[in-house]
Amino acid sequence: MTLVADILDDIRLHGWEAASRYTRQFDGVDRAVTDMLWNPMAEPRAIPDPIAREAIDFAMDQIRRFHVATRPQDVTVNQAAGLTLSERFLPLKRVGLYVPNGDYPLISSLLMTAIPARVAGVEDLVVAIPPRGDVRHHPLWLYALQTLAITEAISLGGAQAIGILGYGADHLPPVDLIAGPGNRYVAEAKQELQRRQVTGIDLTAGPSEVLIIADDPAYAEVAAMDLLAQAEHAADTRAFLVTWNPACLTAVKRRLAEEAKPQTLGAIELQLVTNQDEAVHAANRIAPEHLGLMGAAAEALLPRIRTAGAVFVGAMAGQALGDYVAGPSHVLPTGGTGRFLSGLSTRTFMRRMSVIDARADMPERYLQAGQVLAGLEGLTFHQKSLSARQALGGQP
């Protein structure tokens, strides 16, 4: 996307000044350079509505509990006498988080990205929030930012925000990784910076999607609401119902027709398949961001599901539960990338590093076999490197 590449080049050369120009052009907001970077912790303590605060606190606690429990642990393997292998997980130092704030202010996305990063051990978090409304003094935004101890926030959106995070600017060092969902310009800017080896990214998070496999008309209400809940994100979202039960399809179709729908609603498709095998095939082929399984027969298909970003089992589960309070992050792979990518977690914000600790009493076979393989590949100094270590064997 040429426009995105040009914006990133401009940001690299002109920093905040270029970001200010693009904010006027694309967001219609005239913001001084000095107002773009701010410290939420320096603002007066936010006092949100008690009911809203309690809901945010509850969501934070559930998200934190899940990610603490699933944080990867270091592993040590005693491979042989004198040879100890280990796998260490180290947090990234500095991470940028993009939080959508367009038609819907997604405070939940701040929680779903910042909490896993904090649990992973990331020290420096920079949060980019598009300048829609007065985020700086909004009690809910400010409460969430302050509770998460965010000291660097930038009032920018779109590719210009991604550029500032990746390249840095005056008083704002660049980040090591950028995470969080956004529109197609945000997604392209993240991918372009990764192609340029400027920064890492979490995953490709494009238009949102859900696929529901249902087999029981009794769940038509919750199935229809899940389809509509996903479709209300934007006009480019996708929502699918797959069923082998004609009565279930008819009931869901009837319920959808009864509901008033906004003009921006995404596409909803209802598909009748012959059997459960076809339903599983459709789910694994589409690799949906969210996959719902409703009804005893549908729920029994879980072991055969291979590619969904997140699976919601049972009529009580749904993507809205996952979006806010269940615990796992709602930042998930879209557009079929669930075939090879996973959703955001503490692992997103950590590096896996292997450590090989070899001592003089290591069995000689390791050095001998290594020399044979080096010789087969014609790498002389690899061979000599291993041979030189044989002379050290048996020494203190």
Protein backbone atom coordinates (compact mmCIF):
# COMPACT_ATOMS: atom_id res chain seq x y z
CA MET A 1 0.00 0.00 0.00
CA THR A 2 1.91 3.03 -1.36
CA LEU A 3 0.12 5.57 0.86
CA VAL A 4 1.12 3.75 4.04
CA ALA A 5 4.74 3.38 2.92
CA ASP A 6 4.90 7.11 2.13
CA ILE A 7 3.46 8.01 5.53
CA LEU A 8 6.03 5.84 7.28
CA ASP A 9 8.86 7.42 5.29
CA ASP A 10 7.59 10.88 6.21
CA ILE A 11 7.32 9.96 9.89
CA ARG A 12 10.87 8.55 9.85
CA LEU A 13 12.20 11.83 8.47
CA HIS A 14 10.00 14.40 10.19
CA GLY A 15 8.65 12.74 13.32
CA TRP A 16 5.98 14.61 15.28
CA GLU A 17 5.59 17.33 12.65
CA ALA A 18 4.59 14.76 10.02
CA ALA A 19 2.31 13.00 12.51
CA SER A 20 0.55 16.30 13.20
CA ARG A 21 -0.04 16.89 9.49
CA TYR A 22 -1.56 13.43 8.96
CA THR A 23 -3.75 13.84 12.04
CA ARG A 24 -5.21 17.01 10.53
CA GLN A 25 -5.62 15.32 7.15
CA PHE A 26 -7.17 12.01 8.18
CA ASP A 27 -8.75 12.67 11.60
CA GLY A 28 -9.73 16.31 11.17
CA VAL A 29 -7.99 17.11 14.46
CA ASP A 30 -5.59 20.01 14.77
CA ARG A 31 -3.31 18.92 17.57
CA ALA A 32 -0.10 20.63 18.60
CA VAL A 33 3.02 18.51 18.66
CA THR A 34 3.37 19.17 22.39
CA ASP A 35 -0.08 17.64 23.03
CA MET A 36 0.55 14.33 21.28
CA LEU A 37 2.75 12.72 23.92
CA TRP A 38 1.46 12.71 27.48
CA ASN A 39 1.79 10.89 30.78
CA PRO A 40 -1.48 9.49 32.18
CA MET A 41 0.14 9.04 35.60
CA ALA A 42 0.75 12.80 35.77
CA GLU A 43 -2.97 13.56 35.37
CA PRO A 44 -5.31 13.87 38.38
CA ARG A 45 -6.50 10.47 39.54
CA ALA A 46 -9.51 9.39 37.49
CA ILE A 47 -12.77 8.76 39.35
CA PRO A 48 -15.13 6.88 37.02
CA ASP A 49 -18.70 5.84 37.71
CA PRO A 50 -18.59 3.12 40.42
CA ILE A 51 -20.46 0.56 38.33
CA ALA A 52 -18.12 1.10 35.37
CA ARG A 53 -15.07 0.99 37.63
CA GLU A 54 -16.22 -2.29 39.18
CA ALA A 55 -16.72 -3.84 35.75
CA ILE A 56 -13.27 -2.71 34.59
CA ASP A 57 -11.66 -4.00 37.78
CA PHE A 58 -13.42 -7.35 37.42
CA ALA A 59 -12.31 -7.69 33.79
CA MET A 60 -8.73 -6.77 34.70
CA ASP A 61 -8.66 -9.39 37.43
CA GLN A 62 -9.98 -12.16 35.16
CA ILE A 63 -7.56 -11.29 32.34
CA ARG A 64 -4.61 -11.11 34.73
CA ARG A 65 -5.46 -14.44 36.39
CA PHE A 66 -5.56 -16.25 33.06
CA HIS A 67 -2.29 -14.82 31.79
CA VAL A 68 -0.44 -15.41 35.05
CA ALA A 69 -1.52 -19.06 34.88
CA THR A 70 -0.45 -19.47 31.24
CA ARG A 71 2.82 -17.51 31.31
CA PRO A 72 5.56 -19.78 29.91
CA GLN A 73 8.12 -21.04 32.40
CA ASP A 74 11.85 -21.61 31.96
CA VAL A 75 12.81 -25.25 31.34
CA THR A 76 16.10 -27.04 32.13
CA VAL A 77 17.06 -30.37 30.53
CA ASN A 78 19.99 -32.44 31.82
CA GLN A 79 20.84 -33.86 28.41
CA ALA A 80 23.91 -35.76 29.58
CA ALA A 81 26.70 -35.56 32.14
CA GLY A 82 28.39 -32.22 31.52
CA LEU A 83 25.69 -31.01 29.12
CA THR A 84 22.80 -28.92 30.45
CA LEU A 85 20.28 -27.38 28.09
CA SER A 86 17.73 -24.76 29.02
CA GLU A 87 15.02 -22.67 27.48
CA ARG A 88 14.55 -19.20 28.93
CA PHE A 89 11.68 -16.79 28.35
CA LEU A 90 12.70 -13.15 28.54
CA PRO A 91 10.30 -10.18 28.37
CA LEU A 92 10.74 -7.56 25.70
CA LYS A 93 12.02 -4.24 26.99
CA ARG A 94 9.76 -1.77 25.20
CA VAL A 95 6.40 -2.39 23.53
CA GLY A 96 3.91 -0.19 21.68
CA LEU A 97 0.19 -0.91 21.95
CA TYR A 98 -2.35 0.36 19.43
CA VAL A 99 -5.87 0.73 20.83
CA PRO A 100 -8.77 1.49 18.44
CA ASN A 101 -10.89 4.53 19.24
CA GLY A 102 -13.01 5.08 16.13
CA ASP A 103 -16.72 4.35 15.96
CA TYR A 104 -16.30 2.42 19.20
CA PRO A 105 -13.82 3.33 21.98
CA LEU A 106 -12.34 -0.10 22.65
CA ILE A 107 -11.11 0.28 26.22
CA SER A 108 -11.28 -3.51 26.42
CA SER A 109 -8.51 -3.74 23.80
CA LEU A 110 -6.26 -1.75 26.12
CA LEU A 111 -6.86 -4.32 28.86
CA MET A 112 -6.45 -7.27 26.49
CA THR A 113 -3.03 -6.08 25.30
CA ALA A 114 -1.51 -4.25 28.25
CA ILE A 115 -2.27 -6.87 30.91
CA PRO A 116 -0.59 -9.79 29.06
CA ALA A 117 2.38 -7.50 28.39
CA ARG A 118 2.66 -6.54 32.06
CA VAL A 119 2.34 -10.17 33.18
CA ALA A 120 5.08 -11.08 30.69
CA GLY A 121 7.32 -8.56 32.42
CA VAL A 122 7.44 -5.72 29.88
CA GLU A 123 8.70 -2.60 31.66
CA ASP A 124 7.97 0.13 29.12
CA LEU A 125 4.55 0.29 27.48
CA VAL A 126 3.62 3.06 25.04
CA VAL A 127 -0.09 3.27 24.22
CA ALA A 128 -1.35 4.90 21.02
CA ILE A 129 -5.00 5.98 21.07
CA PRO A 130 -6.57 7.82 18.11
CA PRO A 131 -7.55 11.42 18.99
CA ARG A 132 -11.31 10.96 18.98
CA GLY A 133 -12.79 12.81 21.93
CA ASP A 134 -10.82 13.97 24.95
CA VAL A 135 -9.12 10.69 25.92
CA ARG A 136 -6.75 12.57 28.19
CA HIS A 137 -9.57 13.57 30.52
CA HIS A 138 -12.05 10.77 29.87
CA PRO A 139 -12.60 9.07 33.24
CA LEU A 140 -12.78 5.51 31.87
CA TRP A 141 -9.79 5.75 29.53
CA LEU A 142 -7.76 7.54 32.18
CA TYR A 143 -8.73 5.09 34.92
CA ALA A 144 -7.66 2.12 32.81
CA LEU A 145 -4.38 3.77 31.79
CA GLN A 146 -3.55 4.77 35.35
CA THR A 147 -4.44 1.37 36.80
CA LEU A 148 -2.11 -0.21 34.25
CA ALA A 149 0.65 2.27 35.23
CA ILE A 150 1.03 3.64 31.69
CA THR A 151 3.42 6.59 31.69
CA GLU A 152 3.64 7.17 27.92
CA ALA A 153 0.55 7.68 25.77
CA ILE A 154 0.33 9.23 22.32
CA SER A 155 -2.80 10.80 20.85
CA LEU A 156 -2.42 9.42 17.36
CA GLY A 157 -4.19 6.91 15.14
CA GLY A 158 -3.68 5.17 11.84
CA ALA A 159 -0.38 4.59 10.07
CA GLN A 160 1.08 7.75 11.60
CA ALA A 161 0.73 6.26 15.09
CA ILE A 162 2.42 3.04 13.98
CA GLY A 163 5.23 5.04 12.40
CA ILE A 164 5.87 7.05 15.57
CA LEU A 165 5.90 3.86 17.68
CA GLY A 166 8.26 2.09 15.31
CA TYR A 167 10.70 4.87 14.46
CA GLY A 168 10.36 6.91 17.64
CA ALA A 169 10.50 10.69 17.80
CA ASP A 170 11.80 13.42 20.08
CA HIS A 171 11.39 12.32 23.72
CA LEU A 172 9.94 8.98 22.61
CA PRO A 173 12.35 6.08 21.95
CA PRO A 174 11.28 3.44 19.41
CA VAL A 175 9.65 0.22 20.56
CA ASP A 176 10.74 -3.38 20.02
CA LEU A 177 7.28 -4.67 19.11
CA ILE A 178 3.88 -3.22 18.20
CA ALA A 179 0.72 -5.07 19.21
CA GLY A 180 -3.00 -4.45 19.02
CA PRO A 181 -5.84 -4.46 16.48
CA GLY A 182 -6.65 -1.73 13.99
CA ASN A 183 -8.04 -0.99 10.55
CA ARG A 184 -6.39 -2.03 7.30
CA TYR A 185 -4.06 0.98 7.33
CA VAL A 186 -2.85 0.11 10.81
CA ALA A 187 -2.39 -3.54 9.82
CA GLU A 188 -0.46 -2.61 6.67
CA ALA A 189 1.74 -0.14 8.57
CA LYS A 190 2.63 -2.81 11.14
CA GLN A 191 3.47 -5.30 8.41
CA GLU A 192 5.54 -2.73 6.50
CA LEU A 193 7.62 -1.91 9.58
CA GLN A 194 8.23 -5.60 10.13
CA ARG A 195 9.26 -6.00 6.47
CA ARG A 196 11.70 -3.14 7.00
CA GLN A 197 13.02 -4.91 10.13
CA VAL A 198 12.21 -1.80 12.17
CA THR A 199 10.06 -3.56 14.76
CA GLY A 200 8.28 -6.80 15.48
CA ILE A 201 4.50 -7.15 15.44
CA ASP A 202 2.02 -9.41 17.17
CA LEU A 203 -0.16 -10.76 14.35
CA THR A 204 -2.34 -9.76 11.43
CA ALA A 205 -5.59 -8.48 12.90
CA GLY A 206 -7.87 -7.35 10.09
CA PRO A 207 -11.67 -7.26 9.77
CA SER A 208 -13.31 -9.22 12.56
CA GLU A 209 -15.10 -12.53 11.95
CA VAL A 210 -17.10 -15.29 13.62
CA LEU A 211 -18.28 -18.72 12.52
CA ILE A 212 -20.94 -20.52 14.53
CA ILE A 213 -21.65 -24.22 14.20
CA ALA A 214 -25.05 -24.96 15.70
CA ASP A 215 -27.35 -27.95 15.54
CA ASP A 216 -30.23 -27.09 17.88
CA PRO A 217 -33.00 -24.55 17.12
CA ALA A 218 -33.30 -23.94 20.86
CA TYR A 219 -30.15 -21.83 20.60
CA ALA A 220 -31.35 -19.66 17.72
CA GLU A 221 -31.53 -16.56 19.94
CA VAL A 222 -27.94 -16.68 21.20
CA ALA A 223 -26.63 -17.77 17.80
CA ALA A 224 -28.35 -14.83 16.10
CA MET A 225 -27.08 -12.39 18.71
CA ASP A 226 -23.52 -13.67 18.28
CA LEU A 227 -23.74 -13.19 14.53
CA LEU A 228 -25.07 -9.65 14.96
CA ALA A 229 -22.55 -8.85 17.71
CA GLN A 230 -19.69 -9.67 15.37
CA ALA A 231 -21.26 -7.98 12.35
CA GLU A 232 -21.76 -4.70 14.25
CA HIS A 233 -18.00 -4.09 14.43
CA ALA A 234 -17.86 -2.66 10.90
CA ALA A 235 -19.19 -3.09 7.39
CA ASP A 236 -16.26 -5.35 6.43
CA THR A 237 -16.76 -7.90 9.23
CA ARG A 238 -17.91 -11.42 8.40
CA ALA A 239 -20.27 -13.69 10.31
CA PHE A 240 -21.17 -17.26 9.34
CA LEU A 241 -23.67 -19.81 10.62
CA VAL A 242 -23.02 -23.41 9.60
CA THR A 243 -25.57 -26.08 10.43
CA TRP A 244 -26.77 -29.45 9.15
CA ASN A 245 -30.19 -28.92 10.75
CA PRO A 246 -32.67 -27.04 8.48
CA ALA A 247 -34.85 -26.17 11.49
CA CYS A 248 -31.89 -24.49 13.17
CA LEU A 249 -31.10 -22.45 10.06
CA THR A 250 -34.72 -21.37 9.72
CA ALA A 251 -34.96 -20.33 13.36
CA VAL A 252 -31.76 -18.26 13.22
CA LYS A 253 -32.81 -16.66 9.93
CA ARG A 254 -36.18 -15.71 11.42
CA ARG A 255 -34.54 -14.16 14.49
CA LEU A 256 -32.11 -12.14 12.39
CA ALA A 257 -34.99 -10.76 10.33
CA GLU A 258 -36.74 -9.56 13.47
CA GLU A 259 -33.81 -7.46 14.69
CA ALA A 260 -33.26 -3.85 13.62
CA LYS A 261 -29.82 -3.51 12.06
CA PRO A 262 -27.50 -0.50 11.62
CA GLN A 263 -26.34 0.40 8.12
CA THR A 264 -22.73 -0.40 8.95
CA LEU A 265 -23.49 -4.04 9.73
CA GLY A 266 -21.12 -6.57 8.19
CA ALA A 267 -22.13 -9.52 6.05
CA ILE A 268 -23.95 -12.48 7.62
CA GLU A 269 -24.06 -15.79 5.77
CA LEU A 270 -26.17 -18.82 6.69
CA GLN A 271 -24.97 -22.14 5.27
CA LEU A 272 -26.74 -25.49 5.37
CA VAL A 273 -24.32 -28.43 5.08
CA THR A 274 -25.02 -32.13 4.69
CA ASN A 275 -23.32 -33.39 7.84
CA GLN A 276 -20.91 -32.67 10.68
CA ASP A 277 -17.86 -33.51 8.57
CA GLU A 278 -18.72 -30.68 6.18
CA ALA A 279 -19.14 -28.28 9.11
CA VAL A 280 -15.70 -29.16 10.48
CA HIS A 281 -14.18 -28.80 7.01
CA ALA A 282 -15.72 -25.34 6.62
CA ALA A 283 -14.43 -24.20 10.01
CA ASN A 284 -10.89 -25.44 9.43
CA ARG A 285 -10.81 -23.97 5.92
CA ILE A 286 -12.04 -20.52 6.98
CA ALA A 287 -9.93 -20.50 10.18
CA PRO A 288 -12.23 -17.94 11.82
CA GLU A 289 -11.14 -15.47 14.43
CA HIS A 290 -13.99 -16.69 16.67
CA LEU A 291 -15.64 -20.10 16.44
CA GLY A 292 -18.81 -20.90 18.37
CA LEU A 293 -20.03 -24.45 18.99
CA MET A 294 -23.66 -24.65 20.16
CA GLY A 295 -25.60 -27.82 20.81
CA ALA A 296 -24.41 -31.23 22.01
CA ALA A 297 -23.43 -32.51 18.57
CA ALA A 298 -21.67 -29.26 17.65
CA GLU A 299 -19.79 -29.11 20.95
CA ALA A 300 -18.55 -32.67 20.42
CA LEU A 301 -16.66 -31.43 17.33
CA LEU A 302 -14.09 -29.50 19.41
CA PRO A 303 -11.31 -32.15 19.15
CA ARG A 304 -11.49 -31.88 15.35
CA ILE A 305 -11.11 -28.08 15.22
CA ARG A 306 -7.58 -27.09 14.20
CA THR A 307 -7.41 -23.48 13.07
CA ALA A 308 -9.71 -21.10 14.97
CA GLY A 309 -8.27 -18.13 16.84
CA ALA A 310 -10.51 -18.86 19.83
CA VAL A 311 -13.27 -21.43 20.35
CA PHE A 312 -16.41 -20.79 22.41
CA VAL A 313 -18.00 -24.03 23.55
CA GLY A 314 -21.63 -24.17 24.64
CA ALA A 315 -24.56 -21.79 24.40
CA MET A 316 -23.33 -19.86 27.46
CA ALA A 317 -20.07 -19.00 25.71
CA GLY A 318 -19.81 -16.36 23.00
CA GLN A 319 -17.31 -13.91 21.58
CA ALA A 320 -18.74 -11.06 23.68
CA LEU A 321 -17.82 -13.00 26.83
CA GLY A 322 -14.33 -13.43 25.42
CA ASP A 323 -14.15 -9.81 24.31
CA TYR A 324 -14.48 -8.51 27.86
CA VAL A 325 -14.20 -10.75 30.88
CA ALA A 326 -13.41 -14.42 30.23
CA GLY A 327 -9.63 -13.99 30.41
CA PRO A 328 -7.80 -14.88 27.17
CA SER A 329 -6.93 -11.89 24.98
CA HIS A 330 -9.47 -10.96 22.33
CA VAL A 331 -6.68 -9.95 19.92
CA LEU A 332 -6.84 -12.91 17.53
CA PRO A 333 -5.68 -13.85 14.02
CA THR A 334 -8.10 -13.03 11.19
CA GLY A 335 -8.40 -13.51 7.45
CA GLY A 336 -7.46 -17.19 7.56
CA THR A 337 -4.15 -16.56 9.34
CA GLY A 338 -5.34 -18.72 12.20
CA ARG A 339 -3.96 -21.61 10.13
CA PHE A 340 -0.47 -20.59 11.25
CA LEU A 341 -0.79 -17.82 13.85
CA SER A 342 -2.01 -17.77 17.45
CA GLY A 343 -3.81 -15.11 19.42
CA LEU A 344 -2.05 -12.57 21.61
CA SER A 345 -0.72 -13.88 24.94
CA THR A 346 2.20 -13.38 27.30
CA ARG A 347 4.31 -15.28 24.73
CA THR A 348 3.73 -12.40 22.32
CA PHE A 349 5.78 -10.15 24.59
CA MET A 350 8.59 -12.57 25.37
CA ARG A 351 11.61 -13.98 23.57
CA ARG A 352 12.50 -17.64 23.84
CA MET A 353 16.26 -18.07 24.25
CA SER A 354 18.03 -21.42 24.36
CA VAL A 355 21.14 -21.91 26.51
CA ILE A 356 23.71 -24.69 25.98
CA ASP A 357 26.02 -25.24 28.96
CA ALA A 358 28.79 -27.77 28.15
CA ARG A 359 31.53 -28.90 30.53
CA ALA A 360 34.70 -30.99 30.26
CA ASP A 361 32.94 -34.20 31.37
CA MET A 362 30.50 -34.05 28.47
CA PRO A 363 30.51 -37.39 26.59
CA GLU A 364 33.04 -37.30 23.74
CA ARG A 365 30.42 -38.65 21.35
CA TYR A 366 28.86 -35.19 21.01
CA LEU A 367 32.13 -33.73 19.69
CA GLN A 368 32.82 -36.72 17.46
CA ALA A 369 29.38 -36.80 15.86
CA GLY A 370 29.51 -33.04 15.35
CA GLN A 371 32.84 -33.34 13.54
CA VAL A 372 31.46 -36.01 11.22
CA LEU A 373 28.48 -33.82 10.31
CA ALA A 374 30.73 -30.77 9.77
CA GLY A 375 32.91 -32.85 7.48
CA LEU A 376 29.90 -34.04 5.50
CA GLU A 377 28.93 -30.41 4.94
CA GLY A 378 32.46 -29.36 4.05
CA LEU A 379 32.73 -26.80 6.84
CA THR A 380 36.36 -27.18 7.86
CA PHE A 381 36.51 -24.72 10.70
CA HIS A 382 33.31 -26.06 12.23
CA GLN A 383 35.11 -29.39 12.32
CA LYS A 384 38.26 -27.89 13.81
CA SER A 385 36.21 -25.95 16.38
CA LEU A 386 34.82 -29.21 17.70
CA SER A 387 38.17 -30.97 17.47
CA ALA A 388 39.86 -28.25 19.52
CA ARG A 389 37.41 -28.90 22.33
CA GLN A 390 38.37 -32.55 22.50
CA ALA A 391 41.72 -31.40 23.79
CA LEU A 392 39.97 -29.70 26.69
CA GLY A 393 38.20 -32.87 27.79
CA GLY A 394 39.21 -34.14 31.18
CA GLN A 395 40.77 -30.83 32.22
CA PRO A 396 39.56 -29.06 35.43
